[in-house]
PDB file of all heavy atoms in Angstrom:
ATOM      1  N   ARG A   1    -122.225 112.577  -8.223  1.00  0.00           N
ATOM      2  CA  ARG A   1    -123.276 112.078  -7.211  1.00  0.00           C
ATOM      3  C   ARG A   1    -123.505 112.921  -6.055  1.00  0.00           C
ATOM      4  O   ARG A   1    -124.367 112.598  -5.284  1.00  0.00           O
ATOM      5  CB  ARG A   1    -122.965 110.644  -6.976  1.00  0.00           C
ATOM      6  CG  ARG A   1    -121.689 110.362  -6.246  1.00  0.00           C
ATOM      7  CD  ARG A   1    -121.396 108.932  -6.000  1.00  0.00           C
ATOM      8  NE  ARG A   1    -120.031 108.719  -5.496  1.00  0.00           N
ATOM      9  CZ  ARG A   1    -119.599 107.567  -5.208  1.00  0.00           C
ATOM     10  NH1 ARG A   1    -120.300 106.428  -5.269  1.00  0.00           N
ATOM     11  NH2 ARG A   1    -118.280 107.473  -4.651  1.00  0.00           N
ATOM     12  N   THR A   2    -122.490 113.608  -5.799  1.00  0.00           N
ATOM     13  CA  THR A   2    -122.637 114.581  -4.598  1.00  0.00           C
ATOM     14  C   THR A   2    -123.794 115.697  -4.750  1.00  0.00           C
ATOM     15  O   THR A   2    -124.221 116.142  -3.782  1.00  0.00           O
ATOM     16  CB  THR A   2    -121.243 115.142  -4.307  1.00  0.00           C
ATOM     17  OG1 THR A   2    -120.832 115.861  -5.365  1.00  0.00           O
ATOM     18  CG2 THR A   2    -120.320 114.246  -3.773  1.00  0.00           C
ATOM     19  N   ASN A   3    -123.920 116.105  -6.020  1.00  0.00           N
ATOM     20  CA  ASN A   3    -124.948 117.090  -6.209  1.00  0.00           C
ATOM     21  C   ASN A   3    -126.089 116.788  -7.125  1.00  0.00           C
ATOM     22  O   ASN A   3    -127.036 117.492  -7.157  1.00  0.00           O
ATOM     23  CB  ASN A   3    -124.161 118.351  -6.941  1.00  0.00           C
ATOM     24  CG  ASN A   3    -123.166 118.995  -5.972  1.00  0.00           C
ATOM     25  OD1 ASN A   3    -123.517 119.304  -4.789  1.00  0.00           O
ATOM     26  ND2 ASN A   3    -122.035 119.156  -6.548  1.00  0.00           N
ATOM     27  N   TYR A   4    -126.080 115.636  -7.595  1.00  0.00           N
ATOM     28  CA  TYR A   4    -127.087 115.128  -8.580  1.00  0.00           C
ATOM     29  C   TYR A   4    -127.441 113.718  -8.297  1.00  0.00           C
ATOM     30  O   TYR A   4    -126.770 112.905  -7.637  1.00  0.00           O
ATOM     31  CB  TYR A   4    -126.702 115.190 -10.111  1.00  0.00           C
ATOM     32  CG  TYR A   4    -126.471 116.596 -10.522  1.00  0.00           C
ATOM     33  CD1 TYR A   4    -125.152 117.246 -10.372  1.00  0.00           C
ATOM     34  CD2 TYR A   4    -127.387 117.348 -11.174  1.00  0.00           C
ATOM     35  CE1 TYR A   4    -124.848 118.491 -10.874  1.00  0.00           C
ATOM     36  CE2 TYR A   4    -127.146 118.635 -11.564  1.00  0.00           C
ATOM     37  CZ  TYR A   4    -125.897 119.254 -11.377  1.00  0.00           C
ATOM     38  OH  TYR A   4    -125.672 120.466 -11.734  1.00  0.00           O
ATOM     39  N   ARG A   5    -128.594 113.303  -8.757  1.00  0.00           N
ATOM     40  CA  ARG A   5    -128.981 111.871  -8.737  1.00  0.00           C
ATOM     41  C   ARG A   5    -128.553 111.299 -10.104  1.00  0.00           C
ATOM     42  O   ARG A   5    -129.090 111.599 -11.095  1.00  0.00           O
ATOM     43  CB  ARG A   5    -130.415 111.716  -8.484  1.00  0.00           C
ATOM     44  CG  ARG A   5    -130.928 110.263  -8.358  1.00  0.00           C
ATOM     45  CD  ARG A   5    -132.361 110.170  -8.115  1.00  0.00           C
ATOM     46  NE  ARG A   5    -132.859 108.767  -8.040  1.00  0.00           N
ATOM     47  CZ  ARG A   5    -134.172 108.427  -8.121  1.00  0.00           C
ATOM     48  NH1 ARG A   5    -135.081 109.314  -8.090  1.00  0.00           N
ATOM     49  NH2 ARG A   5    -134.538 107.074  -8.070  1.00  0.00           N
ATOM     50  N   VAL A   6    -127.581 110.446 -10.033  1.00  0.00           N
ATOM     51  CA  VAL A   6    -126.963 109.807 -11.289  1.00  0.00           C
ATOM     52  C   VAL A   6    -127.624 108.452 -11.492  1.00  0.00           C
ATOM     53  O   VAL A   6    -127.311 107.598 -10.609  1.00  0.00           O
ATOM     54  CB  VAL A   6    -125.411 109.844 -11.222  1.00  0.00           C
ATOM     55  CG1 VAL A   6    -124.846 109.369 -12.511  1.00  0.00           C
ATOM     56  CG2 VAL A   6    -124.942 111.265 -10.910  1.00  0.00           C
ATOM     57  N   ILE A   7    -128.138 108.239 -12.534  1.00  0.00           N
ATOM     58  CA  ILE A   7    -128.832 106.954 -12.847  1.00  0.00           C
ATOM     59  C   ILE A   7    -128.398 106.345 -14.110  1.00  0.00           C
ATOM     60  O   ILE A   7    -128.332 107.089 -15.125  1.00  0.00           O
ATOM     61  CB  ILE A   7    -130.420 107.021 -12.746  1.00  0.00           C
ATOM     62  CG1 ILE A   7    -130.915 107.669 -11.537  1.00  0.00           C
ATOM     63  CG2 ILE A   7    -131.027 105.606 -13.099  1.00  0.00           C
ATOM     64  CD1 ILE A   7    -132.478 107.879 -11.509  1.00  0.00           C
ATOM     65  N   ILE A   8    -127.961 105.072 -14.124  1.00  0.00           N
ATOM     66  CA  ILE A   8    -127.598 104.342 -15.484  1.00  0.00           C
ATOM     67  C   ILE A   8    -128.374 103.039 -15.629  1.00  0.00           C
ATOM     68  O   ILE A   8    -128.046 102.189 -14.902  1.00  0.00           O
ATOM     69  CB  ILE A   8    -126.072 103.962 -15.415  1.00  0.00           C
ATOM     70  CG1 ILE A   8    -125.217 105.174 -14.814  1.00  0.00           C
ATOM     71  CG2 ILE A   8    -125.632 103.706 -16.873  1.00  0.00           C
ATOM     72  CD1 ILE A   8    -123.757 104.870 -14.792  1.00  0.00           C
ATOM     73  N   PRO A   9    -129.413 103.186 -16.465  1.00  0.00           N
ATOM     74  CA  PRO A   9    -130.022 101.818 -16.769  1.00  0.00           C
ATOM     75  C   PRO A   9    -129.159 100.937 -17.792  1.00  0.00           C
ATOM     76  O   PRO A   9    -128.482 101.535 -18.612  1.00  0.00           O
ATOM     77  CB  PRO A   9    -131.309 102.207 -17.430  1.00  0.00           C
ATOM     78  CG  PRO A   9    -131.018 103.539 -18.083  1.00  0.00           C
ATOM     79  CD  PRO A   9    -129.903 104.177 -17.263  1.00  0.00           C
ATOM     80  N   MET A  10    -129.150  99.704 -17.506  1.00  0.00           N
ATOM     81  CA  MET A  10    -128.449  98.817 -18.431  1.00  0.00           C
ATOM     82  C   MET A  10    -129.335  98.528 -19.537  1.00  0.00           C
ATOM     83  O   MET A  10    -130.348  97.977 -19.482  1.00  0.00           O
ATOM     84  CB  MET A  10    -128.104  97.484 -17.681  1.00  0.00           C
ATOM     85  CG  MET A  10    -127.061  96.604 -18.492  1.00  0.00           C
ATOM     86  SD  MET A  10    -125.464  97.188 -18.392  1.00  0.00           S
ATOM     87  CE  MET A  10    -124.770  96.267 -19.737  1.00  0.00           C
ATOM     88  N   LEU A  11    -128.904  98.961 -20.767  1.00  0.00           N
ATOM     89  CA  LEU A  11    -129.723  98.696 -21.913  1.00  0.00           C
ATOM     90  C   LEU A  11    -129.822  97.311 -22.345  1.00  0.00           C
ATOM     91  O   LEU A  11    -128.750  96.655 -22.475  1.00  0.00           O
ATOM     92  CB  LEU A  11    -129.200  99.528 -23.112  1.00  0.00           C
ATOM     93  CG  LEU A  11    -129.130 101.135 -22.837  1.00  0.00           C
ATOM     94  CD1 LEU A  11    -128.494 101.828 -23.979  1.00  0.00           C
ATOM     95  CD2 LEU A  11    -130.539 101.697 -22.510  1.00  0.00           C
ATOM     96  N   PRO A  12    -131.025  96.836 -22.663  1.00  0.00           N
ATOM     97  CA  PRO A  12    -131.152  95.359 -22.864  1.00  0.00           C
ATOM     98  C   PRO A  12    -130.889  95.026 -24.410  1.00  0.00           C
ATOM     99  O   PRO A  12    -131.593  94.356 -25.044  1.00  0.00           O
ATOM    100  CB  PRO A  12    -132.681  95.195 -22.646  1.00  0.00           C
ATOM    101  CG  PRO A  12    -133.362  96.462 -23.076  1.00  0.00           C
ATOM    102  CD  PRO A  12    -132.290  97.528 -22.734  1.00  0.00           C
ATOM    103  N   ILE A  13    -129.636  95.326 -24.737  1.00  0.00           N
ATOM    104  CA  ILE A  13    -129.261  95.149 -26.241  1.00  0.00           C
ATOM    105  C   ILE A  13    -129.206  93.657 -26.626  1.00  0.00           C
ATOM    106  O   ILE A  13    -129.645  93.331 -27.647  1.00  0.00           O
ATOM    107  CB  ILE A  13    -127.747  95.592 -26.415  1.00  0.00           C
ATOM    108  CG1 ILE A  13    -127.874  97.224 -26.253  1.00  0.00           C
ATOM    109  CG2 ILE A  13    -127.242  95.285 -27.765  1.00  0.00           C
ATOM    110  CD1 ILE A  13    -126.462  97.951 -26.171  1.00  0.00           C
ATOM    111  N   TYR A  14    -128.945  92.789 -25.696  1.00  0.00           N
ATOM    112  CA  TYR A  14    -128.853  91.385 -25.780  1.00  0.00           C
ATOM    113  C   TYR A  14    -130.106  90.509 -25.471  1.00  0.00           C
ATOM    114  O   TYR A  14    -130.146  89.460 -25.650  1.00  0.00           O
ATOM    115  CB  TYR A  14    -127.581  90.725 -25.220  1.00  0.00           C
ATOM    116  CG  TYR A  14    -126.305  91.462 -25.477  1.00  0.00           C
ATOM    117  CD1 TYR A  14    -125.575  92.004 -24.331  1.00  0.00           C
ATOM    118  CD2 TYR A  14    -125.945  91.756 -26.696  1.00  0.00           C
ATOM    119  CE1 TYR A  14    -124.410  92.706 -24.631  1.00  0.00           C
ATOM    120  CE2 TYR A  14    -124.801  92.375 -26.919  1.00  0.00           C
ATOM    121  CZ  TYR A  14    -123.986  92.936 -25.855  1.00  0.00           C
ATOM    122  OH  TYR A  14    -122.823  93.593 -26.153  1.00  0.00           O
ATOM    123  N   GLU A  15    -131.162  91.224 -24.859  1.00  0.00           N
ATOM    124  CA  GLU A  15    -132.253  90.612 -24.353  1.00  0.00           C
ATOM    125  C   GLU A  15    -133.466  90.709 -25.145  1.00  0.00           C
ATOM    126  O   GLU A  15    -134.420  90.117 -25.094  1.00  0.00           O
ATOM    127  CB  GLU A  15    -132.562  91.134 -22.899  1.00  0.00           C
ATOM    128  CG  GLU A  15    -131.563  90.605 -21.855  1.00  0.00           C
ATOM    129  CD  GLU A  15    -130.242  91.468 -21.793  1.00  0.00           C
ATOM    130  OE1 GLU A  15    -130.345  92.694 -22.032  1.00  0.00           O
ATOM    131  OE2 GLU A  15    -129.218  90.806 -21.644  1.00  0.00           O
ATOM    132  N   LEU A  16    -133.447  91.760 -26.165  1.00  0.00           N
ATOM    133  CA  LEU A  16    -134.703  91.993 -26.924  1.00  0.00           C
ATOM    134  C   LEU A  16    -134.815  90.890 -27.976  1.00  0.00           C
ATOM    135  O   LEU A  16    -133.883  90.321 -28.388  1.00  0.00           O
ATOM    136  CB  LEU A  16    -134.342  93.350 -27.657  1.00  0.00           C
ATOM    137  CG  LEU A  16    -134.453  94.699 -26.881  1.00  0.00           C
ATOM    138  CD1 LEU A  16    -133.996  95.809 -27.812  1.00  0.00           C
ATOM    139  CD2 LEU A  16    -135.745  94.943 -26.260  1.00  0.00           C
ATOM    140  N   PRO A  17    -136.076  90.713 -28.242  1.00  0.00           N
ATOM    141  CA  PRO A  17    -136.341  89.684 -29.294  1.00  0.00           C
ATOM    142  C   PRO A  17    -135.704  90.193 -30.511  1.00  0.00           C
ATOM    143  O   PRO A  17    -135.727  91.382 -30.868  1.00  0.00           O
ATOM    144  CB  PRO A  17    -137.821  89.672 -29.476  1.00  0.00           C
ATOM    145  CG  PRO A  17    -138.438  90.185 -28.176  1.00  0.00           C
ATOM    146  CD  PRO A  17    -137.298  91.033 -27.713  1.00  0.00           C
ATOM    147  N   LEU A  18    -135.099  89.302 -31.378  1.00  0.00           N
ATOM    148  CA  LEU A  18    -134.316  89.687 -32.578  1.00  0.00           C
ATOM    149  C   LEU A  18    -135.190  90.614 -33.471  1.00  0.00           C
ATOM    150  O   LEU A  18    -134.596  91.574 -34.021  1.00  0.00           O
ATOM    151  CB  LEU A  18    -133.866  88.435 -33.268  1.00  0.00           C
ATOM    152  CG  LEU A  18    -132.751  88.767 -34.484  1.00  0.00           C
ATOM    153  CD1 LEU A  18    -131.624  89.476 -33.930  1.00  0.00           C
ATOM    154  CD2 LEU A  18    -132.376  87.450 -34.987  1.00  0.00           C
ATOM    155  N   LEU A  19    -136.364  90.304 -33.657  1.00  0.00           N
ATOM    156  CA  LEU A  19    -137.255  91.114 -34.679  1.00  0.00           C
ATOM    157  C   LEU A  19    -137.466  92.428 -34.131  1.00  0.00           C
ATOM    158  O   LEU A  19    -137.731  93.370 -34.986  1.00  0.00           O
ATOM    159  CB  LEU A  19    -138.503  90.362 -34.773  1.00  0.00           C
ATOM    160  CG  LEU A  19    -138.606  89.159 -35.637  1.00  0.00           C
ATOM    161  CD1 LEU A  19    -139.948  88.426 -35.672  1.00  0.00           C
ATOM    162  CD2 LEU A  19    -138.078  89.446 -37.184  1.00  0.00           C
ATOM    163  N   THR A  20    -137.368  92.804 -32.888  1.00  0.00           N
ATOM    164  CA  THR A  20    -137.557  94.127 -32.347  1.00  0.00           C
ATOM    165  C   THR A  20    -136.168  94.902 -31.910  1.00  0.00           C
ATOM    166  O   THR A  20    -136.222  95.780 -31.288  1.00  0.00           O
ATOM    167  CB  THR A  20    -138.629  94.085 -31.209  1.00  0.00           C
ATOM    168  OG1 THR A  20    -138.182  93.445 -30.227  1.00  0.00           O
ATOM    169  CG2 THR A  20    -139.940  93.615 -31.650  1.00  0.00           C
ATOM    170  N   THR A  21    -135.050  94.096 -32.183  1.00  0.00           N
ATOM    171  CA  THR A  21    -133.795  94.638 -31.706  1.00  0.00           C
ATOM    172  C   THR A  21    -133.481  95.925 -32.656  1.00  0.00           C
ATOM    173  O   THR A  21    -133.345  95.755 -33.808  1.00  0.00           O
ATOM    174  CB  THR A  21    -132.683  93.663 -31.928  1.00  0.00           C
ATOM    175  OG1 THR A  21    -132.908  92.574 -30.921  1.00  0.00           O
ATOM    176  CG2 THR A  21    -131.333  94.328 -31.676  1.00  0.00           C
ATOM    177  N   GLY A  22    -133.562  97.104 -32.037  1.00  0.00           N
ATOM    178  CA  GLY A  22    -133.294  98.283 -32.714  1.00  0.00           C
ATOM    179  C   GLY A  22    -133.382  99.572 -31.854  1.00  0.00           C
ATOM    180  O   GLY A  22    -133.589  99.485 -30.642  1.00  0.00           O
ATOM    181  N   ILE A  23    -133.062 100.738 -32.378  1.00  0.00           N
ATOM    182  CA  ILE A  23    -132.895 101.957 -31.660  1.00  0.00           C
ATOM    183  C   ILE A  23    -134.332 102.309 -31.058  1.00  0.00           C
ATOM    184  O   ILE A  23    -134.319 102.695 -29.862  1.00  0.00           O
ATOM    185  CB  ILE A  23    -132.487 103.106 -32.710  1.00  0.00           C
ATOM    186  CG1 ILE A  23    -131.080 102.811 -33.239  1.00  0.00           C
ATOM    187  CG2 ILE A  23    -132.495 104.375 -31.979  1.00  0.00           C
ATOM    188  CD1 ILE A  23    -129.985 102.928 -32.306  1.00  0.00           C
ATOM    189  N   LYS A  24    -135.372 102.221 -31.765  1.00  0.00           N
ATOM    190  CA  LYS A  24    -136.654 102.527 -31.326  1.00  0.00           C
ATOM    191  C   LYS A  24    -137.088 101.742 -30.131  1.00  0.00           C
ATOM    192  O   LYS A  24    -137.604 102.235 -29.131  1.00  0.00           O
ATOM    193  CB  LYS A  24    -137.744 102.442 -32.395  1.00  0.00           C
ATOM    194  CG  LYS A  24    -137.739 103.508 -33.459  1.00  0.00           C
ATOM    195  CD  LYS A  24    -138.811 103.401 -34.366  1.00  0.00           C
ATOM    196  CE  LYS A  24    -138.826 104.490 -35.371  1.00  0.00           C
ATOM    197  NZ  LYS A  24    -139.913 104.473 -36.362  1.00  0.00           N
ATOM    198  N   SER A  25    -136.689 100.309 -29.999  1.00  0.00           N
ATOM    199  CA  SER A  25    -137.013  99.590 -28.945  1.00  0.00           C
ATOM    200  C   SER A  25    -136.311  99.961 -27.838  1.00  0.00           C
ATOM    201  O   SER A  25    -136.889  99.944 -26.633  1.00  0.00           O
ATOM    202  CB  SER A  25    -136.682  98.049 -29.306  1.00  0.00           C
ATOM    203  OG  SER A  25    -137.572  97.639 -30.268  1.00  0.00           O
ATOM    204  N   LEU A  26    -135.035 100.257 -27.941  1.00  0.00           N
ATOM    205  CA  LEU A  26    -134.177 100.856 -26.866  1.00  0.00           C
ATOM    206  C   LEU A  26    -134.747 102.212 -26.112  1.00  0.00           C
ATOM    207  O   LEU A  26    -134.849 102.340 -24.952  1.00  0.00           O
ATOM    208  CB  LEU A  26    -132.677 101.034 -27.039  1.00  0.00           C
ATOM    209  CG  LEU A  26    -131.932  99.753 -27.344  1.00  0.00           C
ATOM    210  CD1 LEU A  26    -130.524 100.092 -27.680  1.00  0.00           C
ATOM    211  CD2 LEU A  26    -132.007  98.804 -26.151  1.00  0.00           C
ATOM    212  N   ALA A  27    -135.211 103.046 -27.093  1.00  0.00           N
ATOM    213  CA  ALA A  27    -135.892 104.310 -26.682  1.00  0.00           C
ATOM    214  C   ALA A  27    -137.169 104.006 -25.899  1.00  0.00           C
ATOM    215  O   ALA A  27    -137.399 104.720 -24.829  1.00  0.00           O
ATOM    216  CB  ALA A  27    -136.043 105.136 -27.850  1.00  0.00           C
ATOM    217  N   LYS A  28    -137.917 103.031 -26.311  1.00  0.00           N
ATOM    218  CA  LYS A  28    -139.102 102.658 -25.524  1.00  0.00           C
ATOM    219  C   LYS A  28    -138.832 102.186 -24.218  1.00  0.00           C
ATOM    220  O   LYS A  28    -139.490 102.431 -23.231  1.00  0.00           O
ATOM    221  CB  LYS A  28    -139.934 101.680 -26.332  1.00  0.00           C
ATOM    222  CG  LYS A  28    -140.700 102.321 -27.613  1.00  0.00           C
ATOM    223  CD  LYS A  28    -141.356 101.315 -28.419  1.00  0.00           C
ATOM    224  CE  LYS A  28    -142.033 101.826 -29.692  1.00  0.00           C
ATOM    225  NZ  LYS A  28    -142.585 100.790 -30.588  1.00  0.00           N
ATOM    226  N   PHE A  29    -137.673 101.304 -24.250  1.00  0.00           N
ATOM    227  CA  PHE A  29    -137.317 100.714 -22.986  1.00  0.00           C
ATOM    228  C   PHE A  29    -136.934 101.934 -21.959  1.00  0.00           C
ATOM    229  O   PHE A  29    -137.271 101.802 -20.695  1.00  0.00           O
ATOM    230  CB  PHE A  29    -136.075  99.745 -23.214  1.00  0.00           C
ATOM    231  CG  PHE A  29    -135.488  99.324 -21.881  1.00  0.00           C
ATOM    232  CD1 PHE A  29    -135.965  98.076 -21.243  1.00  0.00           C
ATOM    233  CD2 PHE A  29    -134.463  99.963 -21.300  1.00  0.00           C
ATOM    234  CE1 PHE A  29    -135.357  97.747 -20.077  1.00  0.00           C
ATOM    235  CE2 PHE A  29    -133.825  99.437 -20.187  1.00  0.00           C
ATOM    236  CZ  PHE A  29    -134.301  98.250 -19.512  1.00  0.00           C
ATOM    237  N   VAL A  30    -136.170 102.871 -22.363  1.00  0.00           N
ATOM    238  CA  VAL A  30    -135.776 103.902 -21.566  1.00  0.00           C
ATOM    239  C   VAL A  30    -136.926 104.793 -20.995  1.00  0.00           C
ATOM    240  O   VAL A  30    -137.049 105.134 -19.926  1.00  0.00           O
ATOM    241  CB  VAL A  30    -134.709 104.821 -22.207  1.00  0.00           C
ATOM    242  CG1 VAL A  30    -134.281 106.031 -21.201  1.00  0.00           C
ATOM    243  CG2 VAL A  30    -133.363 104.015 -22.398  1.00  0.00           C
ATOM    244  N   HIS A  31    -137.942 105.046 -21.912  1.00  0.00           N
ATOM    245  CA  HIS A  31    -139.068 105.757 -21.581  1.00  0.00           C
ATOM    246  C   HIS A  31    -139.786 104.961 -20.522  1.00  0.00           C
ATOM    247  O   HIS A  31    -140.270 105.456 -19.479  1.00  0.00           O
ATOM    248  CB  HIS A  31    -139.947 105.886 -22.794  1.00  0.00           C
ATOM    249  CG  HIS A  31    -141.253 106.537 -22.468  1.00  0.00           C
ATOM    250  ND1 HIS A  31    -141.423 107.850 -21.974  1.00  0.00           N
ATOM    251  CD2 HIS A  31    -142.507 106.043 -22.551  1.00  0.00           C
ATOM    252  CE1 HIS A  31    -142.724 108.107 -21.806  1.00  0.00           C
ATOM    253  NE2 HIS A  31    -143.440 106.969 -22.155  1.00  0.00           N
ATOM    254  N   LYS A  32    -139.998 103.714 -20.640  1.00  0.00           N
ATOM    255  CA  LYS A  32    -140.586 102.804 -19.675  1.00  0.00           C
ATOM    256  C   LYS A  32    -139.877 102.907 -18.313  1.00  0.00           C
ATOM    257  O   LYS A  32    -140.557 102.951 -17.273  1.00  0.00           O
ATOM    258  CB  LYS A  32    -140.624 101.340 -20.240  1.00  0.00           C
ATOM    259  CG  LYS A  32    -141.572 100.453 -19.400  1.00  0.00           C
ATOM    260  CD  LYS A  32    -141.525  99.029 -20.163  1.00  0.00           C
ATOM    261  CE  LYS A  32    -142.152  97.978 -19.210  1.00  0.00           C
ATOM    262  NZ  LYS A  32    -141.934  96.550 -19.723  1.00  0.00           N
ATOM    263  N   PHE A  33    -138.602 102.918 -18.477  1.00  0.00           N
ATOM    264  CA  PHE A  33    -137.799 102.908 -17.140  1.00  0.00           C
ATOM    265  C   PHE A  33    -138.066 104.326 -16.425  1.00  0.00           C
ATOM    266  O   PHE A  33    -138.230 104.398 -15.141  1.00  0.00           O
ATOM    267  CB  PHE A  33    -136.323 102.870 -17.423  1.00  0.00           C
ATOM    268  CG  PHE A  33    -135.369 102.939 -16.279  1.00  0.00           C
ATOM    269  CD1 PHE A  33    -135.266 102.023 -15.324  1.00  0.00           C
ATOM    270  CD2 PHE A  33    -134.715 104.115 -16.096  1.00  0.00           C
ATOM    271  CE1 PHE A  33    -134.409 102.086 -14.209  1.00  0.00           C
ATOM    272  CE2 PHE A  33    -133.823 104.221 -14.984  1.00  0.00           C
ATOM    273  CZ  PHE A  33    -133.716 103.267 -14.125  1.00  0.00           C
ATOM    274  N   ILE A  34    -138.040 105.328 -17.266  1.00  0.00           N
ATOM    275  CA  ILE A  34    -138.292 106.752 -16.649  1.00  0.00           C
ATOM    276  C   ILE A  34    -139.716 106.803 -15.952  1.00  0.00           C
ATOM    277  O   ILE A  34    -139.805 107.364 -14.746  1.00  0.00           O
ATOM    278  CB  ILE A  34    -138.207 107.799 -17.736  1.00  0.00           C
ATOM    279  CG1 ILE A  34    -136.751 107.979 -18.197  1.00  0.00           C
ATOM    280  CG2 ILE A  34    -138.810 109.168 -17.306  1.00  0.00           C
ATOM    281  CD1 ILE A  34    -136.628 108.882 -19.457  1.00  0.00           C
ATOM    282  N   LYS A  35    -140.709 106.183 -16.631  1.00  0.00           N
ATOM    283  CA  LYS A  35    -142.117 106.164 -15.975  1.00  0.00           C
ATOM    284  C   LYS A  35    -142.140 105.218 -14.788  1.00  0.00           C
ATOM    285  O   LYS A  35    -142.670 105.644 -13.693  1.00  0.00           O
ATOM    286  CB  LYS A  35    -143.050 105.669 -17.047  1.00  0.00           C
ATOM    287  CG  LYS A  35    -143.181 106.679 -18.212  1.00  0.00           C
ATOM    288  CD  LYS A  35    -143.534 108.046 -17.732  1.00  0.00           C
ATOM    289  CE  LYS A  35    -143.525 108.997 -18.750  1.00  0.00           C
ATOM    290  NZ  LYS A  35    -143.420 110.450 -18.262  1.00  0.00           N
ATOM    291  N   TYR A  36    -141.354 104.168 -14.793  1.00  0.00           N
ATOM    292  CA  TYR A  36    -141.327 103.149 -13.750  1.00  0.00           C
ATOM    293  C   TYR A  36    -140.703 103.809 -12.462  1.00  0.00           C
ATOM    294  O   TYR A  36    -141.171 103.688 -11.326  1.00  0.00           O
ATOM    295  CB  TYR A  36    -140.447 101.900 -14.107  1.00  0.00           C
ATOM    296  CG  TYR A  36    -140.264 101.018 -12.999  1.00  0.00           C
ATOM    297  CD1 TYR A  36    -141.367 100.244 -12.451  1.00  0.00           C
ATOM    298  CD2 TYR A  36    -139.079 100.850 -12.315  1.00  0.00           C
ATOM    299  CE1 TYR A  36    -141.048  99.329 -11.444  1.00  0.00           C
ATOM    300  CE2 TYR A  36    -138.846  99.979 -11.317  1.00  0.00           C
ATOM    301  CZ  TYR A  36    -139.851  99.196 -10.773  1.00  0.00           C
ATOM    302  OH  TYR A  36    -139.591  98.329  -9.776  1.00  0.00           O
ATOM    303  N   LYS A  37    -139.701 104.660 -12.668  1.00  0.00           N
ATOM    304  CA  LYS A  37    -138.999 105.238 -11.589  1.00  0.00           C
ATOM    305  C   LYS A  37    -139.555 106.579 -11.217  1.00  0.00           C
ATOM    306  O   LYS A  37    -139.026 107.358 -10.381  1.00  0.00           O
ATOM    307  CB  LYS A  37    -137.519 105.529 -11.946  1.00  0.00           C
ATOM    308  CG  LYS A  37    -136.691 104.102 -12.086  1.00  0.00           C
ATOM    309  CD  LYS A  37    -136.660 103.194 -10.927  1.00  0.00           C
ATOM    310  CE  LYS A  37    -135.884 103.846  -9.711  1.00  0.00           C
ATOM    311  NZ  LYS A  37    -136.036 102.991  -8.459  1.00  0.00           N
ATOM    312  N   LYS A  38    -140.651 107.034 -11.953  1.00  0.00           N
ATOM    313  CA  LYS A  38    -141.285 108.299 -11.731  1.00  0.00           C
ATOM    314  C   LYS A  38    -140.379 109.398 -11.774  1.00  0.00           C
ATOM    315  O   LYS A  38    -140.359 110.333 -10.944  1.00  0.00           O
ATOM    316  CB  LYS A  38    -142.054 108.198 -10.306  1.00  0.00           C
ATOM    317  CG  LYS A  38    -143.147 107.228 -10.219  1.00  0.00           C
ATOM    318  CD  LYS A  38    -143.853 107.264  -8.846  1.00  0.00           C
ATOM    319  CE  LYS A  38    -145.073 106.428  -8.763  1.00  0.00           C
ATOM    320  NZ  LYS A  38    -144.749 104.944  -9.058  1.00  0.00           N
ATOM    321  N   LEU A  39    -139.536 109.488 -12.825  1.00  0.00           N
ATOM    322  CA  LEU A  39    -138.604 110.520 -13.015  1.00  0.00           C
ATOM    323  C   LEU A  39    -139.127 111.573 -13.830  1.00  0.00           C
ATOM    324  O   LEU A  39    -139.986 111.309 -14.751  1.00  0.00           O
ATOM    325  CB  LEU A  39    -137.265 109.932 -13.767  1.00  0.00           C
ATOM    326  CG  LEU A  39    -136.647 108.768 -12.950  1.00  0.00           C
ATOM    327  CD1 LEU A  39    -135.435 108.187 -13.971  1.00  0.00           C
ATOM    328  CD2 LEU A  39    -136.144 109.154 -11.625  1.00  0.00           C
ATOM    329  N   GLU A  40    -138.859 112.847 -13.705  1.00  0.00           N
ATOM    330  CA  GLU A  40    -139.393 113.899 -14.356  1.00  0.00           C
ATOM    331  C   GLU A  40    -138.267 114.909 -14.898  1.00  0.00           C
ATOM    332  O   GLU A  40    -137.275 115.212 -14.047  1.00  0.00           O
ATOM    333  CB  GLU A  40    -140.353 114.821 -13.598  1.00  0.00           C
ATOM    334  CG  GLU A  40    -141.624 113.980 -13.322  1.00  0.00           C
ATOM    335  CD  GLU A  40    -142.629 114.891 -12.485  1.00  0.00           C
ATOM    336  OE1 GLU A  40    -142.317 115.907 -12.127  1.00  0.00           O
ATOM    337  OE2 GLU A  40    -143.762 114.283 -12.257  1.00  0.00           O
ATOM    338  N   GLN A  41    -138.295 115.340 -16.047  1.00  0.00           N
ATOM    339  CA  GLN A  41    -137.394 116.248 -16.643  1.00  0.00           C
ATOM    340  C   GLN A  41    -136.068 115.895 -16.448  1.00  0.00           C
ATOM    341  O   GLN A  41    -135.161 116.658 -15.758  1.00  0.00           O
ATOM    342  CB  GLN A  41    -137.660 117.659 -16.031  1.00  0.00           C
ATOM    343  CG  GLN A  41    -138.921 118.258 -16.556  1.00  0.00           C
ATOM    344  CD  GLN A  41    -138.810 118.815 -17.970  1.00  0.00           C
ATOM    345  OE1 GLN A  41    -138.240 119.929 -18.106  1.00  0.00           O
ATOM    346  NE2 GLN A  41    -139.247 118.224 -18.997  1.00  0.00           N
ATOM    347  N   VAL A  42    -135.479 114.774 -16.972  1.00  0.00           N
ATOM    348  CA  VAL A  42    -134.171 114.378 -16.753  1.00  0.00           C
ATOM    349  C   VAL A  42    -133.145 115.000 -17.677  1.00  0.00           C
ATOM    350  O   VAL A  42    -133.559 115.456 -18.830  1.00  0.00           O
ATOM    351  CB  VAL A  42    -134.039 112.692 -16.936  1.00  0.00           C
ATOM    352  CG1 VAL A  42    -134.986 112.034 -15.999  1.00  0.00           C
ATOM    353  CG2 VAL A  42    -134.295 112.315 -18.303  1.00  0.00           C
ATOM    354  N   THR A  43    -132.070 115.064 -17.343  1.00  0.00           N
ATOM    355  CA  THR A  43    -130.937 115.517 -18.284  1.00  0.00           C
ATOM    356  C   THR A  43    -130.269 114.187 -18.741  1.00  0.00           C
ATOM    357  O   THR A  43    -129.693 113.425 -17.891  1.00  0.00           O
ATOM    358  CB  THR A  43    -129.841 116.340 -17.584  1.00  0.00           C
ATOM    359  OG1 THR A  43    -130.500 117.654 -17.289  1.00  0.00           O
ATOM    360  CG2 THR A  43    -128.689 116.567 -18.548  1.00  0.00           C
TER     361      THR A  43
END
């Protein structure tokens, strides 16, 4: 954190509707978070 911006989103593993609980839904969630925070070119 002294040289980088370190961000950890809490993945909504237990909050997703059961029918959409899966890897793709989590990836969509992270993409949405990246756009919401206006992040670019993350590692």
